[in-house]
Amino acid sequence: MALMPKRIKHRKSQRGRIKGEATRGNRVSFGDFGLQAVQGGWISAQTIEAGRIAASQYLRTEGRLYIRIFPNKSITSIPLETRMGKGKGEPEFWAAVVRPGTILFEIGGVTEEAAKICFARLAHKMPVKVRMVYRRPM
């Protein structure tokens, strides 16, 4: 089941621009290792769900997966071969807006080698370039 907001103020949102680095959500908070976006972009709810399934299949019972992004932007599109005019299209899917530096996923309770393998599986599914980061000592 793909993620989406329970209720929203406006059904359709403007595209916007992704400028600058992430100032919030850019450090590993919950787990020991994190998957950090190097590029900005949109990550759809289906992609987040695919990453969650890939990670949980690898981790099985050991370790804990934390998803740090949520798709709260509606992406609209007009049907193919439609003439100009007639307004904005209907919402097609939900996406999370990701800036460079945002932590996408975190893993806790596993070894570094297991986290590397798990994040390699996740990185294949992500539409943006990512890297593995470690938790900073307090």
Foldseek 3Di string as FASTA:
>chain_A
DFAEDPDDDDQADDDDDADDADPPQQADDDAFKFKFFQAWDKDFSVLLVVLVVLLCVLCVPFKDKDFDWGFYHFDFDDDPPDDPDPDTGGGDTTITTHHGRHTGMHIHGDDPVSVVVSVVSSQVSTPGHIDMDGHDDD
